[in-house]
Protein backbone atom coordinates (compact mmCIF):
# COMPACT_ATOMS: atom_id res chain seq x y z
CA MET A 1 -0.23 -0.05 0.07
CA VAL A 2 1.45 3.41 -1.19
CA GLN A 3 1.21 5.72 1.66
CA ASN A 4 0.04 9.36 1.26
CA HIS A 5 2.43 11.98 2.87
CA ASP A 6 0.25 14.88 1.46
CA LYS A 7 -1.05 15.51 5.29
CA ASN A 8 2.48 15.77 6.30
CA LEU A 9 3.36 18.96 4.04
CA ILE A 10 4.61 21.96 6.13
CA PRO A 11 4.81 25.88 4.51
CA ARG A 12 8.30 26.69 3.78
CA SER A 13 9.76 29.83 3.42
CA PRO A 14 10.68 31.37 -0.19
CA ILE A 15 14.02 30.96 -2.08
CA VAL A 16 14.97 34.15 -3.97
CA VAL A 17 17.10 34.67 -6.77
CA VAL A 18 18.07 38.51 -7.44
CA LEU A 19 18.73 38.92 -11.44
CA GLY A 20 19.69 42.25 -13.62
CA HIS A 21 22.09 43.95 -15.58
CA VAL A 22 25.58 44.80 -13.90
CA ASP A 23 25.45 47.95 -12.00
CA HIS A 24 21.36 48.02 -11.95
CA GLY A 25 21.81 47.86 -8.04
CA LYS A 26 21.44 44.07 -7.33
CA THR A 27 24.15 44.06 -4.97
CA SER A 28 23.06 47.57 -3.45
CA LEU A 29 19.85 46.05 -2.96
CA LEU A 30 20.82 43.04 -1.17
CA ASP A 31 23.33 44.82 0.93
CA TYR A 32 20.31 47.19 2.34
CA ILE A 33 18.26 44.36 2.95
CA ARG A 34 20.76 42.20 4.49
CA LYS A 35 21.96 45.23 6.89
CA THR A 36 18.82 46.26 8.06
CA ASN A 37 17.00 42.77 8.60
CA VAL A 38 16.96 40.95 12.03
CA ILE A 39 19.57 38.17 11.32
CA ALA A 40 22.14 40.16 10.18
CA LYS A 41 21.79 42.58 13.38
CA GLU A 42 22.07 39.69 15.69
CA ALA A 43 25.32 38.63 13.61
CA GLY A 44 26.84 41.72 13.90
CA GLY A 45 27.29 42.29 10.38
CA ILE A 46 28.07 39.20 9.01
CA THR A 47 30.64 38.33 5.85
CA GLN A 48 28.70 36.08 4.08
CA SER A 49 30.67 33.59 1.93
CA ILE A 50 27.96 30.57 1.56
CA GLY A 51 26.74 32.04 -1.72
CA ALA A 52 22.82 32.35 0.25
CA TYR A 53 21.91 33.79 3.38
CA GLU A 54 18.14 34.04 5.42
CA ILE A 55 16.79 37.40 6.60
CA ILE A 56 13.60 37.85 8.74
CA HIS A 57 11.17 40.24 7.39
CA LEU A 58 7.96 41.55 9.37
CA SER A 59 5.14 41.01 7.22
CA ALA A 60 2.64 43.94 6.59
CA GLY A 61 -0.02 41.43 6.19
CA SER A 62 0.06 39.27 9.25
CA GLY A 63 2.42 41.30 11.28
CA GLN A 64 4.20 38.41 12.00
CA PRO A 65 7.83 37.72 11.23
CA LYS A 66 8.64 35.31 8.05
CA ARG A 67 12.09 34.09 6.73
CA ILE A 68 13.27 34.67 3.01
CA THR A 69 16.56 33.09 1.46
CA PHE A 70 18.41 34.80 -1.21
CA ILE A 71 20.85 33.34 -3.59
CA ASP A 72 23.51 35.88 -4.16
CA THR A 73 24.81 35.42 -7.69
CA PRO A 74 27.82 37.42 -9.41
CA GLY A 75 27.12 40.22 -11.95
CA HIS A 76 30.35 39.81 -14.22
CA GLU A 77 28.94 38.38 -17.79
CA ILE A 78 31.08 35.44 -17.69
CA PHE A 79 29.21 34.20 -14.66
CA SER A 80 26.02 33.07 -16.58
CA LYS A 81 25.91 29.60 -15.90
CA MET A 82 25.78 30.78 -12.30
CA ARG A 83 23.03 33.04 -12.83
CA GLU A 84 21.22 30.21 -14.43
CA ARG A 85 21.72 27.72 -11.66
CA GLY A 86 20.81 30.58 -9.16
CA ALA A 87 17.39 30.75 -10.97
CA ARG A 88 16.84 26.52 -11.03
CA ALA A 89 17.70 26.36 -7.68
CA ALA A 90 15.16 29.35 -6.49
CA ASP A 91 11.36 29.51 -5.59
CA LEU A 92 10.89 33.09 -7.13
CA GLY A 93 13.21 35.72 -8.94
CA ILE A 94 13.62 39.62 -8.53
CA LEU A 95 14.38 41.39 -11.95
CA VAL A 96 15.98 44.48 -11.04
CA VAL A 97 16.16 47.13 -13.54
CA ALA A 98 17.37 50.74 -12.82
CA ALA A 99 15.16 53.66 -13.56
CA ASP A 100 17.61 55.81 -15.12
CA GLU A 101 19.07 53.47 -17.84
CA GLY A 102 15.96 50.72 -18.42
CA VAL A 103 16.38 47.57 -20.21
CA LYS A 104 19.83 46.40 -21.07
CA PRO A 105 21.58 43.28 -22.51
CA GLN A 106 21.90 41.42 -18.95
CA THR A 107 18.85 42.36 -18.32
CA LYS A 108 17.14 40.12 -21.51
CA GLU A 109 19.55 37.82 -20.47
CA ALA A 110 17.83 37.61 -16.94
CA ILE A 111 14.41 37.47 -18.54
CA GLU A 112 15.37 34.82 -20.56
CA ILE A 113 16.94 32.87 -17.52
CA LEU A 114 13.72 33.34 -15.76
CA ASN A 115 11.28 32.19 -18.78
CA GLN A 116 13.65 28.95 -19.50
CA THR A 117 13.62 28.09 -15.88
CA GLN A 118 9.63 28.81 -15.58
CA THR A 119 10.77 30.53 -12.43
CA PRO A 120 8.07 33.28 -10.96
CA PHE A 121 9.17 37.05 -10.51
CA VAL A 122 8.44 40.65 -9.58
CA VAL A 123 10.09 43.42 -11.09
CA ALA A 124 11.86 45.92 -8.41
CA ILE A 125 12.72 48.86 -10.54
CA ASN A 126 15.10 50.52 -8.85
CA LYS A 127 17.33 54.13 -8.49
CA ILE A 128 13.66 56.12 -8.54
CA ASP A 129 15.30 58.30 -6.16
CA LYS A 130 17.55 59.61 -9.21
CA PRO A 131 16.27 63.08 -10.88
CA ASN A 132 16.61 61.32 -14.61
CA ALA A 133 14.44 58.37 -13.57
CA GLU A 134 11.76 57.56 -16.07
CA ILE A 135 9.73 54.49 -14.84
CA GLU A 136 6.99 54.54 -17.60
CA ARG A 137 9.60 54.17 -19.98
CA VAL A 138 10.95 51.41 -18.02
CA LYS A 139 7.75 49.48 -18.49
CA THR A 140 7.62 50.35 -21.78
CA GLU A 141 11.00 48.58 -22.32
CA LEU A 142 9.93 45.60 -20.43
CA MET A 143 6.83 45.30 -22.52
CA GLN A 144 8.81 45.02 -25.63
CA ALA A 145 11.04 42.50 -23.82
CA GLY A 146 8.19 40.18 -23.41
CA VAL A 147 7.50 41.59 -19.54
CA LEU A 148 3.96 42.35 -19.25
CA LEU A 149 3.55 44.30 -15.85
CA GLU A 150 0.58 44.20 -13.92
CA GLY A 151 -1.35 47.70 -15.41
CA PHE A 152 0.22 46.92 -18.91
CA GLY A 153 -1.80 44.14 -20.01
CA GLY A 154 -0.18 41.43 -17.83
CA ASN A 155 0.33 39.87 -14.24
CA ILE A 156 3.63 40.34 -13.11
CA SER A 157 3.95 42.73 -9.95
CA TRP A 158 6.14 45.27 -9.98
CA HIS A 159 7.44 47.79 -7.22
CA GLY A 160 9.73 51.25 -7.46
CA ILE A 161 12.51 51.14 -4.88
CA SER A 162 15.54 52.77 -4.02
CA ALA A 163 18.56 50.71 -2.51
CA LYS A 164 20.07 53.87 -1.85
CA THR A 165 17.62 55.18 0.45
CA GLY A 166 15.32 51.93 1.18
CA GLU A 167 12.47 53.52 -0.27
CA GLY A 168 9.98 50.73 -1.26
CA ILE A 169 12.01 47.77 0.05
CA ASN A 170 9.72 46.74 2.67
CA GLU A 171 7.07 46.80 0.26
CA LEU A 172 9.02 44.99 -2.38
CA LEU A 173 9.73 41.93 0.53
CA ASP A 174 6.02 42.27 1.39
CA LEU A 175 5.26 41.43 -2.33
CA ILE A 176 7.57 38.22 -2.31
CA LEU A 177 6.15 36.98 0.52
CA LEU A 178 2.75 37.65 -1.09
CA VAL A 179 3.95 35.78 -4.54
CA ALA A 180 5.00 32.85 -2.37
CA GLU A 181 2.24 32.54 -0.48
CA LEU A 182 0.23 32.09 -3.72
CA GLU A 183 3.05 29.59 -4.99
CA GLY A 184 2.04 27.51 -2.40
CA LEU A 185 5.57 26.26 -1.18
CA THR A 186 5.96 22.95 1.06
CA TYR A 187 8.25 20.50 2.52
CA ASN A 188 7.71 17.05 3.91
CA PRO A 189 9.53 16.48 7.26
CA GLU A 190 9.59 12.81 6.56
CA ALA A 191 10.96 12.70 3.81
CA ARG A 192 14.69 12.10 2.68
CA ALA A 193 16.69 15.50 2.74
CA SER A 194 17.07 17.18 -0.72
CA GLY A 195 18.27 20.08 -2.60
CA VAL A 196 20.81 21.84 -4.44
CA ILE A 197 24.90 21.95 -4.54
CA ILE A 198 25.34 25.86 -4.85
CA GLU A 199 29.00 26.09 -4.57
CA SER A 200 31.94 23.66 -3.56
CA LYS A 201 35.44 24.15 -2.78
CA VAL A 202 38.58 22.65 -1.47
CA ASP A 203 39.64 24.29 1.59
CA SER A 204 43.21 24.00 2.64
CA ARG A 205 42.57 23.68 6.47
CA ARG A 206 38.61 21.97 6.39
CA GLY A 207 38.79 19.92 3.38
CA ILE A 208 35.99 19.29 0.75
CA THR A 209 33.01 22.06 1.50
CA ALA A 210 29.94 22.62 -0.31
CA SER A 211 27.43 25.30 -0.02
CA VAL A 212 23.72 23.87 -0.69
CA ILE A 213 20.25 25.04 -0.06
CA VAL A 214 17.57 22.18 1.47
CA LYS A 215 14.69 22.29 -0.76
CA ASP A 216 12.77 19.19 1.08
CA GLY A 217 13.05 16.81 4.53
CA ILE A 218 15.31 17.71 7.23
CA LEU A 219 19.50 17.35 6.92
CA LYS A 220 21.04 15.97 9.87
CA VAL A 221 24.49 15.36 11.06
CA GLY A 222 25.53 11.72 10.45
CA ASP A 223 23.56 11.59 7.12
CA GLU A 224 24.85 10.00 4.22
CA ILE A 225 24.75 12.40 1.39
CA ALA A 226 25.29 11.66 -2.42
CA THR A 227 24.95 13.32 -6.03
CA ALA A 228 25.39 11.95 -9.28
CA SER A 229 29.25 12.57 -8.95
CA ALA A 230 30.03 12.77 -5.21
CA PHE A 231 29.13 11.21 -2.09
CA GLY A 232 30.21 11.16 1.66
CA LYS A 233 28.38 11.70 5.28
CA VAL A 234 27.57 14.95 7.36
CA LYS A 235 30.51 15.35 9.67
CA ILE A 236 30.01 19.00 10.35
CA LEU A 237 26.82 20.96 9.25
CA GLU A 238 26.71 25.08 9.50
CA ASN A 239 24.09 27.58 9.09
CA PHE A 240 25.06 30.66 6.90
CA LEU A 241 25.98 32.49 9.95
CA GLY A 242 28.94 29.55 10.08
CA GLU A 243 27.42 28.28 13.36
CA LYS A 244 27.32 24.52 13.96
CA VAL A 245 24.14 22.88 13.78
CA GLU A 246 22.93 19.46 14.14
CA GLU A 247 20.12 20.13 11.39
CA ILE A 248 18.86 22.25 8.77
CA SER A 249 15.38 22.63 7.57
CA PRO A 250 14.36 23.24 3.61
CA SER A 251 14.81 26.65 2.17
CA ALA A 252 17.66 27.41 4.71
CA PRO A 253 21.55 27.56 3.26
CA ALA A 254 23.81 25.18 4.77
CA LEU A 255 27.61 24.53 4.48
CA ILE A 256 28.27 20.65 4.58
CA LEU A 257 31.73 19.23 5.62
CA GLY A 258 31.75 15.39 4.55
CA PHE A 259 32.03 14.77 0.95
CA GLU A 260 34.73 12.71 -0.08
CA THR A 261 34.72 13.87 -3.30
CA LEU A 262 34.39 17.22 -4.92
CA PRO A 263 30.63 17.74 -5.88
CA GLN A 264 29.47 19.64 -9.13
CA VAL A 265 27.88 22.75 -8.82
CA GLY A 266 24.15 22.50 -9.97
CA GLU A 267 23.69 19.18 -8.65
CA GLU A 268 21.04 17.78 -6.38
CA PHE A 269 21.71 15.86 -3.59
CA LYS A 270 19.81 13.42 -1.43
CA SER A 271 20.65 11.71 1.81
CA GLY A 272 20.27 8.12 2.83
CA LYS A 273 22.02 5.20 0.73
CA ILE A 274 22.15 6.19 -2.50
CA GLU A 275 23.21 4.05 -5.70
CA LEU A 276 25.84 6.37 -7.31
CA VAL A 277 25.50 6.56 -11.37
CA GLU A 278 29.03 8.09 -11.66
CA VAL A 279 31.87 9.16 -9.42
CA LYS A 280 34.48 11.54 -10.98
CA LYS A 281 37.59 12.84 -9.90
CA GLY A 282 36.61 15.98 -7.99
CA LYS A 283 40.05 17.64 -7.14
CA GLU A 284 41.41 17.84 -10.86
CA GLU A 285 40.36 17.19 -14.38
CA VAL A 286 43.13 16.57 -17.12
CA ILE A 287 41.89 17.94 -20.09
CA ILE A 288 44.27 17.77 -23.30
CA ALA A 289 48.18 17.48 -23.84
CA PRO A 290 50.17 20.63 -24.38
CA GLU A 291 50.35 21.72 -27.92
CA GLU A 292 53.44 23.68 -29.62
CA GLY A 293 52.16 27.28 -30.87
CA LEU A 294 49.26 27.59 -28.58
CA LEU A 295 48.77 29.17 -24.82
CA ASN A 296 49.25 26.23 -22.53
CA LEU A 297 47.07 26.76 -19.33
CA ILE A 298 46.45 25.51 -15.92
CA LEU A 299 43.27 26.84 -14.32
CA LYS A 300 42.76 27.29 -10.65
CA ALA A 301 39.95 28.86 -8.62
CA ASP A 302 38.66 29.14 -5.11
CA VAL A 303 35.41 27.59 -5.97
CA SER A 304 33.80 25.32 -8.70
CA GLY A 305 31.65 27.69 -9.74
CA SER A 306 34.51 30.36 -10.69
CA LEU A 307 36.23 27.78 -12.17
CA GLU A 308 33.79 26.56 -14.54
CA ALA A 309 33.06 30.19 -15.31
CA LEU A 310 36.85 30.52 -16.08
CA PHE A 311 37.11 27.66 -18.25
CA GLU A 312 34.04 28.92 -20.36
CA VAL A 313 35.53 32.25 -21.04
CA ILE A 314 39.32 30.74 -21.89
CA LYS A 315 37.52 28.49 -24.45
CA THR A 316 36.87 31.47 -26.52
CA PHE A 317 40.13 32.21 -26.95
CA PRO A 318 41.26 30.14 -30.21
CA LYS A 319 44.91 29.74 -29.02
CA ALA A 320 44.29 28.60 -25.61
CA LYS A 321 44.91 24.92 -24.57
CA VAL A 322 43.86 24.09 -20.82
CA ILE A 323 46.12 21.40 -19.56
CA THR A 324 44.36 21.00 -15.97
CA LYS A 325 41.69 22.43 -14.18
CA SER A 326 41.38 22.34 -10.37
CA VAL A 327 39.64 24.01 -7.40
CA GLY A 328 42.09 25.11 -4.29
CA ASP A 329 45.34 26.82 -3.86
CA ILE A 330 48.22 27.20 -6.35
CA THR A 331 50.74 24.47 -5.19
CA ASP A 332 54.41 23.69 -5.71
CA GLY A 333 52.52 20.63 -7.43
CA ASP A 334 50.92 22.83 -9.88
CA VAL A 335 54.00 24.76 -10.55
CA LYS A 336 55.91 21.81 -11.40
CA SER A 337 53.25 20.77 -13.76
CA ALA A 338 53.19 23.74 -15.34
CA LEU A 339 57.02 23.71 -15.66
CA ALA A 340 56.62 20.06 -17.25
CA ASN A 341 53.98 21.35 -19.84
CA ARG A 342 55.32 24.83 -20.53
CA ALA A 343 52.02 26.15 -19.42
CA ILE A 344 50.96 29.30 -17.35
CA ILE A 345 49.04 28.90 -14.04
CA VAL A 346 46.06 31.32 -14.05
CA GLY A 347 44.35 31.60 -10.56
CA PHE A 348 41.04 33.33 -9.94
CA ARG A 349 40.89 33.87 -6.22
CA SER A 350 43.16 30.93 -5.42
CA ARG A 351 45.78 31.74 -2.63
CA ILE A 352 49.54 30.96 -4.07
CA SER A 353 51.37 28.86 -1.58
CA ARG A 354 54.69 30.08 -0.57
CA PRO A 355 56.46 27.24 -1.72
CA ALA A 356 54.60 27.52 -5.13
CA GLU A 357 56.05 31.09 -5.32
CA ASN A 358 59.63 29.95 -4.30
CA VAL A 359 59.87 27.30 -7.07
CA ALA A 360 57.92 29.42 -9.65
CA LYS A 361 60.43 32.37 -9.34
CA SER A 362 63.56 29.52 -9.48
CA SER A 363 61.82 27.83 -12.35
CA GLY A 364 60.54 31.03 -14.27
CA VAL A 365 57.08 29.82 -14.36
CA LYS A 366 54.61 32.34 -14.92
CA ILE A 367 51.55 32.81 -12.52
CA ILE A 368 48.50 35.12 -13.29
CA ALA A 369 46.68 35.45 -10.44
CA SER A 370 44.00 38.11 -9.33
CA GLU A 371 40.93 38.34 -7.16
CA ILE A 372 38.95 40.56 -10.05
CA ILE A 373 37.92 38.73 -13.11
CA TYR A 374 38.52 42.12 -15.48
CA GLU A 375 42.07 42.12 -14.26
CA LEU A 376 42.67 38.61 -14.87
CA LEU A 377 40.99 38.62 -18.38
CA LYS A 378 42.94 42.07 -19.04
CA SER A 379 46.48 39.97 -17.89
CA LEU A 380 45.46 37.08 -20.28
CA GLU A 381 44.51 39.20 -23.13
CA ALA A 382 48.12 40.64 -23.09
CA GLU A 383 49.42 37.01 -23.21
CA PHE A 384 47.74 36.04 -26.18
CA LYS A 385 48.50 38.99 -27.93
CA ALA A 386 52.17 38.28 -27.35
CA LEU A 387 51.68 34.81 -28.66
CA GLU A 388 50.26 36.27 -31.90
CA ALA A 389 53.37 38.84 -32.24
CA PRO A 390 55.31 37.49 -34.99
CA ILE A 391 58.94 36.01 -33.96
CA ILE A 392 61.71 38.30 -34.11
CA ASN A 393 65.39 37.10 -34.86
CA GLY A 394 67.14 40.25 -35.53
CA LYS A 395 66.78 44.01 -36.09
CA LEU A 396 68.53 46.61 -38.00
CA GLU A 397 68.35 50.46 -37.46
CA ILE A 398 68.27 52.82 -40.48
CA LEU A 399 70.77 55.38 -40.04
CA GLY A 400 71.07 56.84 -43.97
CA VAL A 401 69.14 56.72 -47.24
CA PHE A 402 71.07 57.19 -49.92
CA GLY A 403 68.81 56.84 -53.23
CA LYS A 404 65.74 55.00 -54.59
CA LYS A 405 64.56 53.97 -57.90
CA ASN A 406 62.26 51.66 -59.41
CA GLY A 407 61.19 50.21 -55.87
CA ARG A 408 64.46 49.92 -55.00
CA GLN A 409 65.92 51.74 -52.42
CA ILE A 410 70.04 52.14 -51.06
CA ILE A 411 70.17 52.24 -47.40
CA GLY A 412 72.81 52.01 -44.33
CA GLY A 413 72.39 50.98 -40.92
CA ARG A 414 73.59 49.05 -38.11
CA VAL A 415 72.51 45.48 -36.96
CA LEU A 416 70.93 45.77 -33.60
CA MET A 417 70.09 42.08 -32.76
CA GLY A 418 70.65 38.89 -34.53
CA ILE A 419 72.44 38.04 -37.98
CA LEU A 420 71.36 40.16 -41.17
CA LYS A 421 71.50 37.81 -44.11
CA ASN A 422 71.62 38.52 -48.20
CA ASN A 423 68.24 38.06 -50.15
CA LEU A 424 66.32 37.88 -46.65
CA ASN A 425 62.60 38.93 -46.49
CA VAL A 426 62.07 41.67 -43.81
CA ASN A 427 59.16 43.96 -42.37
CA ILE A 428 59.90 47.74 -42.15
CA GLN A 429 58.86 49.16 -38.63
CA ARG A 430 58.17 52.75 -37.76
CA GLY A 431 57.79 53.25 -34.22
CA GLU A 432 55.55 50.54 -33.05
CA GLN A 433 53.78 49.86 -36.27
CA ILE A 434 54.72 47.67 -39.18
CA ILE A 435 54.18 49.71 -42.48
CA GLY A 436 55.42 47.56 -44.88
CA GLN A 437 57.97 44.69 -46.29
CA GLY A 438 61.13 43.84 -48.46
CA LYS A 439 63.62 41.85 -49.70
CA ILE A 440 67.38 42.74 -49.38
CA ILE A 441 68.69 42.27 -53.12
CA ASN A 442 72.46 43.20 -52.13
CA LEU A 443 74.12 43.34 -49.00
CA GLN A 444 77.81 45.62 -48.34
CA LYS A 445 80.26 45.68 -45.93
CA GLU A 446 82.94 47.80 -46.04
CA LYS A 447 82.03 48.52 -49.58
CA ARG A 448 82.51 44.73 -50.48
CA ASP A 449 79.72 41.96 -50.91
CA VAL A 450 78.77 40.05 -48.18
CA ASN A 451 76.38 36.98 -47.40
CA GLN A 452 75.58 37.98 -43.91
CA VAL A 453 76.44 41.06 -41.35
CA SER A 454 76.61 40.33 -37.58
CA GLU A 455 75.15 42.31 -34.41
CA GLY A 456 76.84 45.78 -33.81
CA GLU A 457 77.99 45.81 -36.83
CA GLU A 458 77.15 48.56 -39.80
CA CYS A 459 76.45 48.00 -43.61
CA GLY A 460 75.06 49.09 -46.65
CA MET A 461 72.47 47.37 -48.85
CA LEU A 462 69.85 47.50 -51.94
CA LEU A 463 66.57 46.85 -50.35
CA GLU A 464 63.42 45.90 -52.97
CA SER A 465 60.03 47.43 -51.56
CA SER A 466 57.12 49.65 -52.08
CA THR A 467 57.40 51.62 -49.00
CA ALA A 468 59.69 54.70 -48.93
CA ILE A 469 62.29 54.47 -45.90
CA ASN A 470 63.13 57.13 -43.59
CA ILE A 471 66.04 57.34 -41.15
CA GLY A 472 64.99 55.95 -37.84
CA ASP A 473 63.15 53.18 -39.25
CA GLN A 474 63.76 49.28 -38.38
CA LEU A 475 64.02 46.13 -40.54
CA ILE A 476 62.66 43.29 -38.52
CA TYR A 477 63.37 39.81 -39.61
């Protein structure tokens, strides 16, 4: 006989993801909510690192304190997969649109994510305190983007807010709780705990840690836990404040210590005995062997989501080859691997260990590391440009121009680098720009024909080129 558990269902609080274009105020909104809610006050202004947190809001309707969980997602364009996972894990969404700028590219991306994941959402029109705010124009642009607001022929609720002054934010939270009530969110306390991995990393002191949000059941210390790619046993359970707890109820974010291998972000987890479909190597994944003529890279990041985002953007560079990618600190083992594979180490928010620094300096291995994704990408672009630059074997500086006729010029100069040879094809450089090409027809030293001239020596030559050469130009070969 199949038991009906419907009678055991209990209402749960909503899980909310905040999406929108960069600089439209997502972070400011979350910061304002976090600083003014009851839990943050009790925690003394916590530093949140789990990727999600709870607030308590006094509902205007019931006057009762109610919990809301927010998932924090990064704003940079390369983190689109992380934003999509946030929407899939959430029950509801807040689409933030700036009243002074309207619908922008990442606004459209957020709308597409919310539609694809079928996540109900409300719209927060932010920055209404600005003198150039145009709320009606924003509504029209949202309608053109397929978001039909209440009063504009649709049923999507909206509210004007200022994340700077706090205007309208309490009403926005009331709106979230109202929409959540209409969704009828529940959980079964007797069910096996299940939820979503929202982040995972290898901590040098604590080992593998996973940030999760519980969606059903109650997760307890001692529970066996598994995803499609990892398994373990809950040894330590912490709430989003970093406090050790014995159990976590649905809608609450938590930190789990006890996975034996690194779970993949976005995976669902379940507690209890589960037959694994596939167990992947969590710490490091070998991608491809190094290749000549390409920029071989070893990727490191602090957490799985950041590593995935970094890997996705690296793939857009045609001359990039990722040798390995892994989560955790940059170690001397990574440096030795880079040396063996003639690779550069790229670290995003990864700490460089002292032994790694020492080995890198002594072996000449380059490490590009940054806490800021913009800076990291800028440094990488410079490496790719250097890779594409022509290989220079030698240079000659033009000291004199003595005549030209029928596309041929008589010039003199000094070899600055390498060996200059007769019948050589050369590039003509003026300043930093290559302005033309040519070929040495005749080469002379001390008025005698020669086949080559060494570095530091002066010479004369007959150069075939359509480009007029000036004193100070250089021949690059």
